[in-house]
Amino acid sequence: MEKAPGSYVGGFCLMTDMMKNSLFLLLLTGGMHVMAHAQDTLPDAGRIREIVGYLASDKLKGRGTAEKGGRKAAAYVAKQFRKLGLKPVNGSSYFQDFTFDKNSHKNIPSRNVLGFLDNGAVRTIIIGAHYDHLGTAVLFDGKYPVGQIHNGADDNASGVAGLLELARHYVKNGGKESFNFLFIAFGGEELGLQGSKYYTAHPLMPLDKMHFMLNMDMIGRYNPDRGLGVGGFGSAEEWPEIFKDVTQAGIRFFTDASGKGASDHHNFYMHQVPVMFFHTGGHDDYHKPTDDVPKLQADAEANILQLGIQLIDRAMNFPVLHYKGEETKG
């Protein structure tokens, strides 16, 4: 049979169009996948609400140290670390158990929860938050109403949510960083920074190999009139350069030079580790039974964590941060 003039060429053109369309769809879907993956690694307000919703529920009764709710909170964090693929650094356990004395109370049991992201690096970044709160106030010698549940949605379920979201981000990033990450949820903070005190006295990794420590305590009640406070600005020579020109949509922040303070970064600073401390400030519900989940500002917290990612990433451009003690500040 004789071919119709041009039929082969027309078919070729048709196939070429089909191939172009297929290639376009492949590139489009591939680009959408990359964008979706990038979006998937970012802190998410919905997940933050879910985490805080569990930790600050009446079921955990305020996550008191040496109370059942506190033990449940520690187990929850360990479970999340395991699900994310973080490794234990204490043998086969995610826990570092310890006891301490407080006033008339002796041998109070608590534990830190640790998860390690091993990127094969020499130096490690510590990201921390305390998971305990006042519980039912039985260990506070009448300072707070005994028997009432202090859920501590902001203090510090919000910080633990931040800890887990940053862990998720750097795990999902696929080990591209030139530093390892050690994520620590501290116990016993409300009773005198006990978890970080114990860890810095009994570190599971050499403290002189720590790049810096980021501590998040009460980051869930952002007030735009105040802004986010970032402490520890004077604890490393390089912080001013790292912070230069950093902005984050929806977040205004200010810096404070001191590396000391009433939260867990203090003990790392006292052991010559540069620190950053994120805090959205006090409020009328501080250490009261009214610090509950509905008051959480989850969208703002997600933005605060994106600011944290910017600063962490910029700090990784420096092979070493040089510690500055207060006696050297001019």
C-alpha atoms as a PDB file:
ATOM      1  CA  MET A   1       0.000   0.000   0.000  1.00  0.00           C
ATOM      2  CA  GLU A   2       1.271   3.385  -0.876  1.00  0.00           C
ATOM      3  CA  LYS A   3       1.771   5.735   2.009  1.00  0.00           C
ATOM      4  CA  ALA A   4      -0.154   8.924   2.046  1.00  0.00           C
ATOM      5  CA  PRO A   5       2.144  11.849   1.517  1.00  0.00           C
ATOM      6  CA  GLY A   6       3.506  13.187   4.788  1.00  0.00           C
ATOM      7  CA  SER A   7       1.804  10.610   7.021  1.00  0.00           C
ATOM      8  CA  TYR A   8       5.088   9.439   8.571  1.00  0.00           C
ATOM      9  CA  VAL A   9       6.234  12.951   9.235  1.00  0.00           C
ATOM     10  CA  GLY A  10       2.858  13.819  10.762  1.00  0.00           C
ATOM     11  CA  GLY A  11       3.062  10.763  13.020  1.00  0.00           C
ATOM     12  CA  PHE A  12       6.551  11.763  14.089  1.00  0.00           C
ATOM     13  CA  CYS A  13       5.309  15.224  14.913  1.00  0.00           C
ATOM     14  CA  LEU A  14       2.459  13.701  16.919  1.00  0.00           C
ATOM     15  CA  MET A  15       4.849  11.482  18.864  1.00  0.00           C
ATOM     16  CA  THR A  16       7.133  14.453  19.476  1.00  0.00           C
ATOM     17  CA  ASP A  17       4.242  16.451  20.932  1.00  0.00           C
ATOM     18  CA  MET A  18       3.296  13.493  23.108  1.00  0.00           C
ATOM     19  CA  MET A  19       6.873  13.185  24.319  1.00  0.00           C
ATOM     20  CA  LYS A  20       7.016  16.917  25.031  1.00  0.00           C
ATOM     21  CA  ASN A  21       3.794  16.728  26.998  1.00  0.00           C
ATOM     22  CA  SER A  22       5.040  13.701  28.913  1.00  0.00           C
ATOM     23  CA  LEU A  23       8.338  15.410  29.669  1.00  0.00           C
ATOM     24  CA  PHE A  24       6.491  18.537  30.798  1.00  0.00           C
ATOM     25  CA  LEU A  25       4.259  16.478  33.090  1.00  0.00           C
ATOM     26  CA  LEU A  26       7.281  14.614  34.445  1.00  0.00           C
ATOM     27  CA  LEU A  27       9.128  17.844  35.175  1.00  0.00           C
ATOM     28  CA  LEU A  28       5.998  19.393  36.647  1.00  0.00           C
ATOM     29  CA  THR A  29       5.248  16.487  38.946  1.00  0.00           C
ATOM     30  CA  GLY A  30       8.915  16.191  39.843  1.00  0.00           C
ATOM     31  CA  GLY A  31       9.029  19.880  40.698  1.00  0.00           C
ATOM     32  CA  MET A  32       5.847  19.557  42.706  1.00  0.00           C
ATOM     33  CA  HIS A  33       7.403  16.616  44.578  1.00  0.00           C
ATOM     34  CA  VAL A  34      10.516  18.660  45.389  1.00  0.00           C
ATOM     35  CA  MET A  35       8.370  21.583  46.515  1.00  0.00           C
ATOM     36  CA  ALA A  36       6.159  19.279  48.570  1.00  0.00           C
ATOM     37  CA  HIS A  37       9.248  17.681  50.144  1.00  0.00           C
ATOM     38  CA  ALA A  38      10.714  21.084  50.974  1.00  0.00           C
ATOM     39  CA  GLN A  39       7.396  22.156  52.453  1.00  0.00           C
ATOM     40  CA  ASP A  40       7.131  18.889  54.374  1.00  0.00           C
ATOM     41  CA  THR A  41      10.375  19.603  56.216  1.00  0.00           C
ATOM     42  CA  LEU A  42       9.225  22.976  57.531  1.00  0.00           C
ATOM     43  CA  PRO A  43       7.700  23.457  60.991  1.00  0.00           C
ATOM     44  CA  ASP A  44       3.938  23.033  60.861  1.00  0.00           C
ATOM     45  CA  ALA A  45       1.350  24.714  63.087  1.00  0.00           C
ATOM     46  CA  GLY A  46      -0.956  21.695  62.910  1.00  0.00           C
ATOM     47  CA  ARG A  47       1.695  19.318  64.224  1.00  0.00           C
ATOM     48  CA  ILE A  48       2.660  21.836  66.902  1.00  0.00           C
ATOM     49  CA  ARG A  49      -0.956  21.947  68.112  1.00  0.00           C
ATOM     50  CA  GLU A  50      -1.108  18.150  68.132  1.00  0.00           C
ATOM     51  CA  ILE A  51       2.081  17.771  70.184  1.00  0.00           C
ATOM     52  CA  VAL A  52       1.134  20.477  72.672  1.00  0.00           C
ATOM     53  CA  GLY A  53      -2.421  19.117  72.765  1.00  0.00           C
ATOM     54  CA  TYR A  54      -1.134  15.790  74.034  1.00  0.00           C
ATOM     55  CA  LEU A  55       1.583  17.007  76.402  1.00  0.00           C
ATOM     56  CA  ALA A  56      -0.654  19.677  77.972  1.00  0.00           C
ATOM     57  CA  SER A  57      -3.760  17.491  78.238  1.00  0.00           C
ATOM     58  CA  ASP A  58      -5.302  16.670  81.605  1.00  0.00           C
ATOM     59  CA  LYS A  59      -4.320  13.064  80.913  1.00  0.00           C
ATOM     60  CA  LEU A  60      -0.700  13.940  81.703  1.00  0.00           C
ATOM     61  CA  LYS A  61      -1.676  16.045  84.731  1.00  0.00           C
ATOM     62  CA  GLY A  62       0.939  18.704  84.203  1.00  0.00           C
ATOM     63  CA  ARG A  63       3.965  16.451  83.555  1.00  0.00           C
ATOM     64  CA  GLY A  64       5.198  16.750  87.116  1.00  0.00           C
ATOM     65  CA  THR A  65       8.646  15.425  88.003  1.00  0.00           C
ATOM     66  CA  ALA A  66       8.338  12.041  89.762  1.00  0.00           C
ATOM     67  CA  GLU A  67       4.656  11.942  88.774  1.00  0.00           C
ATOM     68  CA  LYS A  68       3.082   9.500  86.316  1.00  0.00           C
ATOM     69  CA  GLY A  69       2.358  12.277  83.811  1.00  0.00           C
ATOM     70  CA  GLY A  70       6.003  13.283  83.733  1.00  0.00           C
ATOM     71  CA  ARG A  71       7.057   9.708  82.978  1.00  0.00           C
ATOM     72  CA  LYS A  72       4.434   9.527  80.210  1.00  0.00           C
ATOM     73  CA  ALA A  73       5.789  12.731  78.691  1.00  0.00           C
ATOM     74  CA  ALA A  74       9.351  11.367  78.663  1.00  0.00           C
ATOM     75  CA  ALA A  75       8.139   8.136  77.031  1.00  0.00           C
ATOM     76  CA  TYR A  76       6.234  10.147  74.414  1.00  0.00           C
ATOM     77  CA  VAL A  77       9.341  12.144  73.447  1.00  0.00           C
ATOM     78  CA  ALA A  78      11.423   8.954  73.222  1.00  0.00           C
ATOM     79  CA  LYS A  79       8.758   7.413  70.975  1.00  0.00           C
ATOM     80  CA  GLN A  80       8.836  10.451  68.671  1.00  0.00           C
ATOM     81  CA  PHE A  81      12.644  10.339  68.514  1.00  0.00           C
ATOM     82  CA  ARG A  82      12.460   6.660  67.556  1.00  0.00           C
ATOM     83  CA  LYS A  83       9.827   7.314  64.879  1.00  0.00           C
ATOM     84  CA  LEU A  84      11.979  10.062  63.387  1.00  0.00           C
ATOM     85  CA  GLY A  85      14.947   7.712  63.191  1.00  0.00           C
ATOM     86  CA  LEU A  86      17.103   9.436  65.793  1.00  0.00           C
ATOM     87  CA  LYS A  87      19.553   7.123  67.548  1.00  0.00           C
ATOM     88  CA  PRO A  88      20.133   6.617  71.281  1.00  0.00           C
ATOM     89  CA  VAL A  89      23.411   7.969  72.629  1.00  0.00           C
ATOM     90  CA  ASN A  90      23.196   6.206  76.007  1.00  0.00           C
ATOM     91  CA  GLY A  91      23.847   2.625  74.924  1.00  0.00           C
ATOM     92  CA  SER A  92      20.523   1.306  73.647  1.00  0.00           C
ATOM     93  CA  SER A  93      18.390   3.738  75.670  1.00  0.00           C
ATOM     94  CA  TYR A  94      16.979   7.160  74.840  1.00  0.00           C
ATOM     95  CA  PHE A  95      16.955   7.951  78.569  1.00  0.00           C
ATOM     96  CA  GLN A  96      19.521   9.367  80.964  1.00  0.00           C
ATOM     97  CA  ASP A  97      18.186   8.682  84.456  1.00  0.00           C
ATOM     98  CA  PHE A  98      19.217  10.685  87.499  1.00  0.00           C
ATOM     99  CA  THR A  99      18.065  11.683  90.980  1.00  0.00           C
ATOM    100  CA  PHE A 100      18.373  14.943  92.875  1.00  0.00           C
ATOM    101  CA  ASP A 101      17.452  16.573  96.168  1.00  0.00           C
ATOM    102  CA  LYS A 102      15.237  19.630  96.520  1.00  0.00           C
ATOM    103  CA  ASN A 103      14.533  21.176  99.903  1.00  0.00           C
ATOM    104  CA  SER A 104      13.020  18.439 102.101  1.00  0.00           C
ATOM    105  CA  HIS A 105      12.585  16.067  99.155  1.00  0.00           C
ATOM    106  CA  LYS A 106      15.412  13.577  98.662  1.00  0.00           C
ATOM    107  CA  ASN A 107      16.373  11.296  95.775  1.00  0.00           C
ATOM    108  CA  ILE A 108      13.735  12.643  93.418  1.00  0.00           C
ATOM    109  CA  PRO A 109      13.827  10.554  90.214  1.00  0.00           C
ATOM    110  CA  SER A 110      13.857  12.147  86.776  1.00  0.00           C
ATOM    111  CA  ARG A 111      15.292  11.535  83.329  1.00  0.00           C
ATOM    112  CA  ASN A 112      16.546  13.326  80.265  1.00  0.00           C
ATOM    113  CA  VAL A 113      15.492  12.090  76.829  1.00  0.00           C
ATOM    114  CA  LEU A 114      18.143  12.188  74.098  1.00  0.00           C
ATOM    115  CA  GLY A 115      18.073  11.512  70.361  1.00  0.00           C
ATOM    116  CA  PHE A 116      21.114  11.730  68.089  1.00  0.00           C
ATOM    117  CA  LEU A 117      21.298  12.560  64.393  1.00  0.00           C
ATOM    118  CA  ASP A 118      24.709  11.299  63.274  1.00  0.00           C
ATOM    119  CA  ASN A 119      25.942  13.085  60.158  1.00  0.00           C
ATOM    120  CA  GLY A 120      29.475  11.773  60.598  1.00  0.00           C
ATOM    121  CA  ALA A 121      30.738  15.181  61.704  1.00  0.00           C
ATOM    122  CA  VAL A 122      33.357  16.130  64.270  1.00  0.00           C
ATOM    123  CA  ARG A 123      31.156  18.699  66.004  1.00  0.00           C
ATOM    124  CA  THR A 124      27.575  18.593  67.234  1.00  0.00           C
ATOM    125  CA  ILE A 125      24.747  21.093  67.714  1.00  0.00           C
ATOM    126  CA  ILE A 126      22.546  20.625  70.779  1.00  0.00           C
ATOM    127  CA  ILE A 127      18.872  21.576  70.579  1.00  0.00           C
ATOM    128  CA  GLY A 128      17.007  21.387  73.873  1.00  0.00           C
ATOM    129  CA  ALA A 129      13.758  22.041  75.724  1.00  0.00           C
ATOM    130  CA  HIS A 130      12.414  20.852  79.068  1.00  0.00           C
ATOM    131  CA  TYR A 131       9.394  18.555  79.056  1.00  0.00           C
ATOM    132  CA  ASP A 132       8.483  18.742  82.755  1.00  0.00           C
ATOM    133  CA  HIS A 133       6.111  21.228  84.361  1.00  0.00           C
ATOM    134  CA  LEU A 134       4.612  21.707  87.817  1.00  0.00           C
ATOM    135  CA  GLY A 135       2.280  18.703  87.638  1.00  0.00           C
ATOM    136  CA  THR A 136      -0.011  18.780  90.646  1.00  0.00           C
ATOM    137  CA  ALA A 137       2.574  20.870  92.549  1.00  0.00           C
ATOM    138  CA  VAL A 138       3.330  18.232  95.197  1.00  0.00           C
ATOM    139  CA  LEU A 139       7.085  18.946  95.167  1.00  0.00           C
ATOM    140  CA  PHE A 140       6.846  22.717  95.496  1.00  0.00           C
ATOM    141  CA  ASP A 141       6.198  23.003  99.248  1.00  0.00           C
ATOM    142  CA  GLY A 142       2.957  24.961  98.935  1.00  0.00           C
ATOM    143  CA  LYS A 143       4.255  27.556  96.503  1.00  0.00           C
ATOM    144  CA  TYR A 144       1.529  26.536  94.025  1.00  0.00           C
ATOM    145  CA  PRO A 145      -1.974  25.101  94.647  1.00  0.00           C
ATOM    146  CA  VAL A 146      -1.413  21.427  95.448  1.00  0.00           C
ATOM    147  CA  GLY A 147      -3.719  19.016  93.671  1.00  0.00           C
ATOM    148  CA  GLN A 148      -4.580  21.327  90.791  1.00  0.00           C
ATOM    149  CA  ILE A 149      -3.323  20.354  87.337  1.00  0.00           C
ATOM    150  CA  HIS A 150      -0.821  22.807  85.865  1.00  0.00           C
ATOM    151  CA  ASN A 151      -0.864  21.773  82.205  1.00  0.00           C
ATOM    152  CA  GLY A 152       1.966  24.050  81.064  1.00  0.00           C
ATOM    153  CA  ALA A 153       0.977  24.376  77.417  1.00  0.00           C
ATOM    154  CA  ASP A 154       3.412  27.235  76.926  1.00  0.00           C
ATOM    155  CA  ASP A 155       5.760  26.176  79.731  1.00  0.00           C
ATOM    156  CA  ASN A 156       7.075  24.057  78.193  1.00  0.00           C
ATOM    157  CA  ALA A 157       5.016  21.862  75.924  1.00  0.00           C
ATOM    158  CA  SER A 158       5.573  24.588  73.319  1.00  0.00           C
ATOM    159  CA  GLY A 159       9.338  24.134  73.571  1.00  0.00           C
ATOM    160  CA  VAL A 160       9.080  20.347  73.232  1.00  0.00           C
ATOM    161  CA  ALA A 161       6.948  20.819  70.123  1.00  0.00           C
ATOM    162  CA  GLY A 162       9.708  23.070  68.787  1.00  0.00           C
ATOM    163  CA  LEU A 163      12.315  20.446  69.657  1.00  0.00           C
ATOM    164  CA  LEU A 164      10.425  17.738  67.754  1.00  0.00           C
ATOM    165  CA  GLU A 165       9.736  19.971  64.761  1.00  0.00           C
ATOM    166  CA  LEU A 166      13.405  20.920  64.439  1.00  0.00           C
ATOM    167  CA  ALA A 167      14.389  17.265  64.820  1.00  0.00           C
ATOM    168  CA  ARG A 168      11.960  16.386  62.057  1.00  0.00           C
ATOM    169  CA  HIS A 169      13.308  19.148  59.814  1.00  0.00           C
ATOM    170  CA  TYR A 170      16.932  18.064  60.060  1.00  0.00           C
ATOM    171  CA  VAL A 171      16.128  14.360  59.745  1.00  0.00           C
ATOM    172  CA  LYS A 172      13.986  15.008  56.655  1.00  0.00           C
ATOM    173  CA  ASN A 173      16.788  17.138  55.234  1.00  0.00           C
ATOM    174  CA  GLY A 174      18.642  13.882  54.724  1.00  0.00           C
ATOM    175  CA  GLY A 175      21.892  14.431  56.590  1.00  0.00           C
ATOM    176  CA  LYS A 176      23.085  17.237  54.332  1.00  0.00           C
ATOM    177  CA  GLU A 177      24.531  19.199  57.235  1.00  0.00           C
ATOM    178  CA  SER A 178      28.184  19.284  58.215  1.00  0.00           C
ATOM    179  CA  PHE A 179      27.314  18.943  61.909  1.00  0.00           C
ATOM    180  CA  ASN A 180      25.650  16.259  63.998  1.00  0.00           C
ATOM    181  CA  PHE A 181      22.570  17.095  66.059  1.00  0.00           C
ATOM    182  CA  LEU A 182      21.823  16.067  69.632  1.00  0.00           C
ATOM    183  CA  PHE A 183      18.215  16.676  70.674  1.00  0.00           C
ATOM    184  CA  ILE A 184      17.617  16.718  74.440  1.00  0.00           C
ATOM    185  CA  ALA A 185      14.333  16.959  76.339  1.00  0.00           C
ATOM    186  CA  PHE A 186      15.331  17.819  79.894  1.00  0.00           C
ATOM    187  CA  GLY A 187      13.629  16.652  83.075  1.00  0.00           C
ATOM    188  CA  GLY A 188      13.463  18.485  86.387  1.00  0.00           C
ATOM    189  CA  GLU A 189      13.878  21.988  84.962  1.00  0.00           C
ATOM    190  CA  GLU A 190      11.144  23.518  87.112  1.00  0.00           C
ATOM    191  CA  LEU A 191      12.907  22.284  90.240  1.00  0.00           C
ATOM    192  CA  GLY A 192      16.198  24.008  89.513  1.00  0.00           C
ATOM    193  CA  LEU A 193      17.435  23.160  85.989  1.00  0.00           C
ATOM    194  CA  GLN A 194      18.175  19.665  87.232  1.00  0.00           C
ATOM    195  CA  GLY A 195      18.243  17.835  83.895  1.00  0.00           C
ATOM    196  CA  SER A 196      20.728  20.163  82.232  1.00  0.00           C
ATOM    197  CA  LYS A 197      22.746  20.355  85.435  1.00  0.00           C
ATOM    198  CA  TYR A 198      23.063  16.579  85.442  1.00  0.00           C
ATOM    199  CA  TYR A 199      23.795  16.342  81.732  1.00  0.00           C
ATOM    200  CA  THR A 200      26.584  18.935  81.768  1.00  0.00           C
ATOM    201  CA  ALA A 201      28.120  17.158  84.765  1.00  0.00           C
ATOM    202  CA  HIS A 202      27.746  13.765  83.018  1.00  0.00           C
ATOM    203  CA  PRO A 203      27.833  14.525  79.273  1.00  0.00           C
ATOM    204  CA  LEU A 204      27.342  11.652  76.858  1.00  0.00           C
ATOM    205  CA  MET A 205      29.377  13.520  74.244  1.00  0.00           C
ATOM    206  CA  PRO A 206      32.378  15.814  74.896  1.00  0.00           C
ATOM    207  CA  LEU A 207      31.158  19.338  75.618  1.00  0.00           C
ATOM    208  CA  ASP A 208      34.192  20.838  73.878  1.00  0.00           C
ATOM    209  CA  LYS A 209      32.921  19.289  70.633  1.00  0.00           C
ATOM    210  CA  MET A 210      29.573  21.062  70.876  1.00  0.00           C
ATOM    211  CA  HIS A 211      29.129  23.818  68.286  1.00  0.00           C
ATOM    212  CA  PHE A 212      26.431  25.579  70.339  1.00  0.00           C
ATOM    213  CA  MET A 213      23.268  24.865  72.299  1.00  0.00           C
ATOM    214  CA  LEU A 214      19.829  26.235  71.341  1.00  0.00           C
ATOM    215  CA  ASN A 215      17.302  26.191  74.186  1.00  0.00           C
ATOM    216  CA  MET A 216      13.568  26.813  73.687  1.00  0.00           C
ATOM    217  CA  ASP A 217      11.487  27.565  76.769  1.00  0.00           C
ATOM    218  CA  MET A 218       8.015  29.142  76.451  1.00  0.00           C
ATOM    219  CA  ILE A 219       7.839  29.909  72.729  1.00  0.00           C
ATOM    220  CA  GLY A 220       4.080  29.452  72.353  1.00  0.00           C
ATOM    221  CA  ARG A 221       2.632  32.828  73.362  1.00  0.00           C
ATOM    222  CA  TYR A 222       4.082  35.277  70.853  1.00  0.00           C
ATOM    223  CA  ASN A 223       3.205  38.897  71.581  1.00  0.00           C
ATOM    224  CA  PRO A 224       3.998  41.159  68.602  1.00  0.00           C
ATOM    225  CA  ASP A 225       4.281  44.174  70.910  1.00  0.00           C
ATOM    226  CA  ARG A 226       7.157  42.468  72.731  1.00  0.00           C
ATOM    227  CA  GLY A 227       8.609  40.186  70.082  1.00  0.00           C
ATOM    228  CA  LEU A 228      10.712  37.085  70.542  1.00  0.00           C
ATOM    229  CA  GLY A 229      13.591  37.372  72.969  1.00  0.00           C
ATOM    230  CA  VAL A 230      16.828  35.692  71.888  1.00  0.00           C
ATOM    231  CA  GLY A 231      19.321  35.294  74.693  1.00  0.00           C
ATOM    232  CA  GLY A 232      22.981  34.335  74.521  1.00  0.00           C
ATOM    233  CA  PHE A 233      23.854  36.868  71.816  1.00  0.00           C
ATOM    234  CA  GLY A 234      27.092  37.657  73.618  1.00  0.00           C
ATOM    235  CA  SER A 235      28.121  34.014  74.195  1.00  0.00           C
ATOM    236  CA  ALA A 236      29.977  33.551  70.875  1.00  0.00           C
ATOM    237  CA  GLU A 237      32.170  35.907  68.882  1.00  0.00           C
ATOM    238  CA  GLU A 238      30.376  34.939  65.683  1.00  0.00           C
ATOM    239  CA  TRP A 239      26.743  35.536  66.731  1.00  0.00           C
ATOM    240  CA  PRO A 240      26.622  39.165  65.483  1.00  0.00           C
ATOM    241  CA  GLU A 241      27.725  38.057  61.997  1.00  0.00           C
ATOM    242  CA  ILE A 242      25.311  35.104  62.038  1.00  0.00           C
ATOM    243  CA  PHE A 243      22.376  37.309  63.046  1.00  0.00           C
ATOM    244  CA  LYS A 244      23.200  40.064  60.553  1.00  0.00           C
ATOM    245  CA  ASP A 245      20.255  40.906  58.267  1.00  0.00           C
ATOM    246  CA  VAL A 246      18.224  37.857  59.370  1.00  0.00           C
ATOM    247  CA  THR A 247      14.472  38.401  59.101  1.00  0.00           C
ATOM    248  CA  GLN A 248      11.450  36.138  59.405  1.00  0.00           C
ATOM    249  CA  ALA A 249       7.926  36.936  58.242  1.00  0.00           C
ATOM    250  CA  GLY A 250       5.559  37.458  61.139  1.00  0.00           C
ATOM    251  CA  ILE A 251       8.277  37.573  63.798  1.00  0.00           C
ATOM    252  CA  ARG A 252       9.992  40.521  65.389  1.00  0.00           C
ATOM    253  CA  PHE A 253      12.881  39.628  67.668  1.00  0.00           C
ATOM    254  CA  PHE A 254      15.404  41.298  69.921  1.00  0.00           C
ATOM    255  CA  THR A 255      18.658  39.993  71.377  1.00  0.00           C
ATOM    256  CA  ASP A 256      20.073  39.832  74.878  1.00  0.00           C
ATOM    257  CA  ALA A 257      23.808  39.350  75.397  1.00  0.00           C
ATOM    258  CA  SER A 258      23.695  37.208  78.537  1.00  0.00           C
ATOM    259  CA  GLY A 259      24.217  33.467  78.312  1.00  0.00           C
ATOM    260  CA  LYS A 260      23.001  33.049  81.877  1.00  0.00           C
ATOM    261  CA  GLY A 261      19.354  32.642  82.767  1.00  0.00           C
ATOM    262  CA  ALA A 262      16.621  30.672  84.480  1.00  0.00           C
ATOM    263  CA  SER A 263      16.475  27.874  81.918  1.00  0.00           C
ATOM    264  CA  ASP A 264      18.585  24.975  80.699  1.00  0.00           C
ATOM    265  CA  HIS A 265      20.944  26.892  78.409  1.00  0.00           C
ATOM    266  CA  HIS A 266      22.460  28.393  81.581  1.00  0.00           C
ATOM    267  CA  ASN A 267      24.294  25.187  82.523  1.00  0.00           C
ATOM    268  CA  PHE A 268      25.774  24.795  79.045  1.00  0.00           C
ATOM    269  CA  TYR A 269      26.922  28.389  79.053  1.00  0.00           C
ATOM    270  CA  MET A 270      28.596  27.819  82.421  1.00  0.00           C
ATOM    271  CA  HIS A 271      30.466  24.915  80.791  1.00  0.00           C
ATOM    272  CA  GLN A 272      31.750  27.200  78.004  1.00  0.00           C
ATOM    273  CA  VAL A 273      29.311  26.169  75.290  1.00  0.00           C
ATOM    274  CA  PRO A 274      27.918  29.062  73.184  1.00  0.00           C
ATOM    275  CA  VAL A 275      24.148  29.304  73.553  1.00  0.00           C
ATOM    276  CA  MET A 276      20.975  30.727  72.063  1.00  0.00           C
ATOM    277  CA  PHE A 277      17.775  31.004  74.077  1.00  0.00           C
ATOM    278  CA  PHE A 278      14.320  31.519  72.530  1.00  0.00           C
ATOM    279  CA  HIS A 279      11.552  32.882  74.771  1.00  0.00           C
ATOM    280  CA  THR A 280       8.303  34.716  74.008  1.00  0.00           C
ATOM    281  CA  GLY A 281       8.043  36.220  77.487  1.00  0.00           C
ATOM    282  CA  GLY A 282       5.939  35.957  80.610  1.00  0.00           C
ATOM    283  CA  HIS A 283       2.160  36.238  80.807  1.00  0.00           C
ATOM    284  CA  ASP A 284      -0.680  36.103  83.317  1.00  0.00           C
ATOM    285  CA  ASP A 285      -0.930  32.302  83.058  1.00  0.00           C
ATOM    286  CA  TYR A 286       2.705  31.653  83.951  1.00  0.00           C
ATOM    287  CA  HIS A 287       2.912  28.758  86.452  1.00  0.00           C
ATOM    288  CA  LYS A 288      -0.858  28.749  86.853  1.00  0.00           C
ATOM    289  CA  PRO A 289      -3.453  26.068  86.063  1.00  0.00           C
ATOM    290  CA  THR A 290      -4.696  28.367  83.275  1.00  0.00           C
ATOM    291  CA  ASP A 291      -1.669  27.831  80.986  1.00  0.00           C
ATOM    292  CA  ASP A 292      -3.767  25.714  78.621  1.00  0.00           C
ATOM    293  CA  VAL A 293      -3.736  24.597  74.982  1.00  0.00           C
ATOM    294  CA  PRO A 294      -6.350  26.997  73.515  1.00  0.00           C
ATOM    295  CA  LYS A 295      -4.050  29.939  74.282  1.00  0.00           C
ATOM    296  CA  LEU A 296      -1.199  28.548  72.188  1.00  0.00           C
ATOM    297  CA  GLN A 297      -0.077  30.684  69.223  1.00  0.00           C
ATOM    298  CA  ALA A 298       0.893  27.759  66.974  1.00  0.00           C
ATOM    299  CA  ASP A 299       1.219  29.710  63.715  1.00  0.00           C
ATOM    300  CA  ALA A 300       3.592  32.183  65.333  1.00  0.00           C
ATOM    301  CA  GLU A 301       5.561  29.327  66.888  1.00  0.00           C
ATOM    302  CA  ALA A 302       6.021  27.776  63.435  1.00  0.00           C
ATOM    303  CA  ASN A 303       7.472  31.093  62.255  1.00  0.00           C
ATOM    304  CA  ILE A 304       9.742  31.263  65.303  1.00  0.00           C
ATOM    305  CA  LEU A 305      11.085  27.822  64.409  1.00  0.00           C
ATOM    306  CA  GLN A 306      11.726  28.935  60.830  1.00  0.00           C
ATOM    307  CA  LEU A 307      13.771  31.799  62.276  1.00  0.00           C
ATOM    308  CA  GLY A 308      15.612  29.190  64.327  1.00  0.00           C
ATOM    309  CA  ILE A 309      16.358  27.162  61.199  1.00  0.00           C
ATOM    310  CA  GLN A 310      17.812  30.243  59.524  1.00  0.00           C
ATOM    311  CA  LEU A 311      20.128  30.912  62.463  1.00  0.00           C
ATOM    312  CA  ILE A 312      21.151  27.271  62.833  1.00  0.00           C
ATOM    313  CA  ASP A 313      21.932  27.036  59.124  1.00  0.00           C
ATOM    314  CA  ARG A 314      23.944  30.250  59.173  1.00  0.00           C
ATOM    315  CA  ALA A 315      25.867  29.049  62.243  1.00  0.00           C
ATOM    316  CA  MET A 316      26.847  25.923  60.294  1.00  0.00           C
ATOM    317  CA  ASN A 317      28.776  28.148  57.882  1.00  0.00           C
ATOM    318  CA  PHE A 318      31.352  28.560  60.655  1.00  0.00           C
ATOM    319  CA  PRO A 319      33.486  25.498  61.491  1.00  0.00           C
ATOM    320  CA  VAL A 320      33.808  26.638  65.127  1.00  0.00           C
ATOM    321  CA  LEU A 321      32.036  29.209  67.283  1.00  0.00           C
ATOM    322  CA  HIS A 322      34.326  30.881  69.780  1.00  0.00           C
ATOM    323  CA  TYR A 323      32.865  31.040  73.272  1.00  0.00           C
ATOM    324  CA  LYS A 324      32.746  34.362  75.112  1.00  0.00           C
ATOM    325  CA  GLY A 325      32.323  34.422  78.873  1.00  0.00           C
ATOM    326  CA  GLU A 326      30.816  37.437  80.574  1.00  0.00           C
ATOM    327  CA  GLU A 327      34.167  38.422  82.023  1.00  0.00           C
ATOM    328  CA  THR A 328      35.467  39.007  78.483  1.00  0.00           C
ATOM    329  CA  LYS A 329      32.556  41.168  77.353  1.00  0.00           C
ATOM    330  CA  GLY A 330      33.306  44.828  77.036  1.00  0.00           C
END
